């Protein structure tokens, strides 16, 4: 089975900023992403957990798989939202099946 090169971009951001981020990605031409709740973690500010938080507090992970040539456009859109908020953006090389979907 043939695989195709792609980029996996994972953006961890404060949950209240989810809509602003996904809207920015959509405007940048990103046609697909997955949003997952982040249950807890540890970072510069120390250990944290979503348990006991009210409403949309906490963090979410927005995951995108895209063609390598579209990476810079996605990163520009993501950075415009993340630069002023708590968040982490990571990029990894990956392989996908059915490249026409990306």
Protein backbone atom coordinates (compact mmCIF):
# COMPACT_ATOMS: atom_id res chain seq x y z
CA UNK A 1 0.00 0.00 0.00
CA UNK A 2 1.38 3.38 -0.97
CA UNK A 3 1.76 6.14 1.61
CA UNK A 4 2.23 9.86 0.99
CA UNK A 5 4.16 12.52 2.88
CA UNK A 6 2.15 14.91 5.01
CA UNK A 7 2.58 17.16 8.04
CA UNK A 8 0.81 16.65 11.35
CA UNK A 9 0.24 19.90 13.20
CA UNK A 10 -0.92 19.72 16.80
CA UNK A 11 -2.02 22.89 18.54
CA UNK A 12 -2.71 22.85 22.28
CA UNK A 13 -4.63 25.96 23.26
CA UNK A 14 -6.98 27.25 25.95
CA UNK A 15 -10.46 25.83 25.34
CA UNK A 16 -12.16 29.26 25.13
CA UNK A 17 -9.90 30.05 22.13
CA UNK A 18 -10.94 26.92 20.18
CA UNK A 19 -13.47 28.67 17.97
CA UNK A 20 -11.14 31.56 17.16
CA UNK A 21 -8.41 29.08 16.18
CA UNK A 22 -10.63 26.81 14.06
CA UNK A 23 -12.16 29.83 12.31
CA UNK A 24 -8.66 31.12 11.49
CA UNK A 25 -7.64 27.70 10.15
CA UNK A 26 -10.77 27.52 8.00
CA UNK A 27 -10.13 31.00 6.58
CA UNK A 28 -6.58 29.84 5.76
CA UNK A 29 -7.98 26.99 3.67
CA UNK A 30 -7.55 24.13 6.12
CA UNK A 31 -10.32 21.72 5.17
CA UNK A 32 -10.11 19.32 8.09
CA UNK A 33 -9.06 19.11 11.70
CA UNK A 34 -9.87 17.18 14.85
CA UNK A 35 -10.50 18.79 18.25
CA UNK A 36 -9.83 16.74 21.38
CA UNK A 37 -10.17 17.66 25.05
CA UNK A 38 -6.92 17.78 27.01
CA UNK A 39 -7.43 16.24 30.44
CA UNK A 40 -4.31 17.61 32.08
CA UNK A 41 -0.59 18.01 31.79
CA UNK A 42 2.46 19.82 33.00
CA UNK A 43 4.23 22.83 31.56
CA UNK A 44 6.02 26.03 32.44
CA UNK A 45 3.34 26.87 34.98
CA UNK A 46 3.48 23.45 36.61
CA UNK A 47 1.07 20.52 36.77
CA UNK A 48 -2.62 21.08 35.98
CA UNK A 49 -5.76 19.01 35.51
CA UNK A 50 -9.13 19.70 33.95
CA UNK A 51 -10.87 18.00 36.89
CA UNK A 52 -12.94 20.40 38.93
CA UNK A 53 -12.87 23.21 36.36
CA UNK A 54 -16.14 24.82 35.37
CA UNK A 55 -17.45 25.35 31.84
CA UNK A 56 -15.00 25.51 28.94
CA UNK A 57 -11.94 26.03 31.13
CA UNK A 58 -8.94 23.90 30.35
CA UNK A 59 -7.20 23.10 27.10
CA UNK A 60 -8.00 21.46 23.77
CA UNK A 61 -5.81 19.84 21.13
CA UNK A 62 -6.51 20.76 17.50
CA UNK A 63 -4.88 18.26 15.13
CA UNK A 64 -4.46 18.85 11.39
CA UNK A 65 -2.98 16.63 8.69
CA UNK A 66 -1.97 18.64 5.63
CA UNK A 67 0.20 18.56 2.54
CA UNK A 68 3.71 19.88 3.23
CA UNK A 69 3.32 22.79 0.79
CA UNK A 70 0.38 24.14 2.84
CA UNK A 71 2.25 24.17 6.16
CA UNK A 72 3.35 27.81 6.21
CA UNK A 73 -0.17 29.10 5.58
CA UNK A 74 -1.54 26.98 8.42
CA UNK A 75 1.23 28.06 10.81
CA UNK A 76 0.68 31.74 10.03
CA UNK A 77 -3.03 31.39 10.83
CA UNK A 78 -2.36 29.41 14.02
CA UNK A 79 0.34 31.77 15.26
CA UNK A 80 -1.94 34.79 14.85
CA UNK A 81 -4.21 33.21 17.50
CA UNK A 82 -1.67 31.41 19.72
CA UNK A 83 0.87 34.23 20.07
CA UNK A 84 -1.17 36.06 22.73
CA UNK A 85 -2.48 33.02 24.62
CA UNK A 86 -1.28 29.92 26.38
CA UNK A 87 -0.56 27.37 23.69
CA UNK A 88 1.91 25.07 22.01
CA UNK A 89 2.25 24.28 18.30
CA UNK A 90 4.15 21.21 17.13
CA UNK A 91 4.83 19.94 13.61
CA UNK A 92 5.86 16.39 12.73
CA UNK A 93 6.41 14.50 9.51
CA UNK A 94 3.88 11.76 8.91
CA UNK A 95 2.63 9.40 6.22
CA UNK A 96 -1.00 9.15 5.08
CA UNK A 97 -3.05 6.90 2.86
CA UNK A 98 -5.45 8.48 0.36
CA UNK A 99 -3.45 11.68 -0.22
CA UNK A 100 -6.38 13.18 -2.17
CA UNK A 101 -8.13 13.82 1.16
CA UNK A 102 -5.45 16.26 2.29
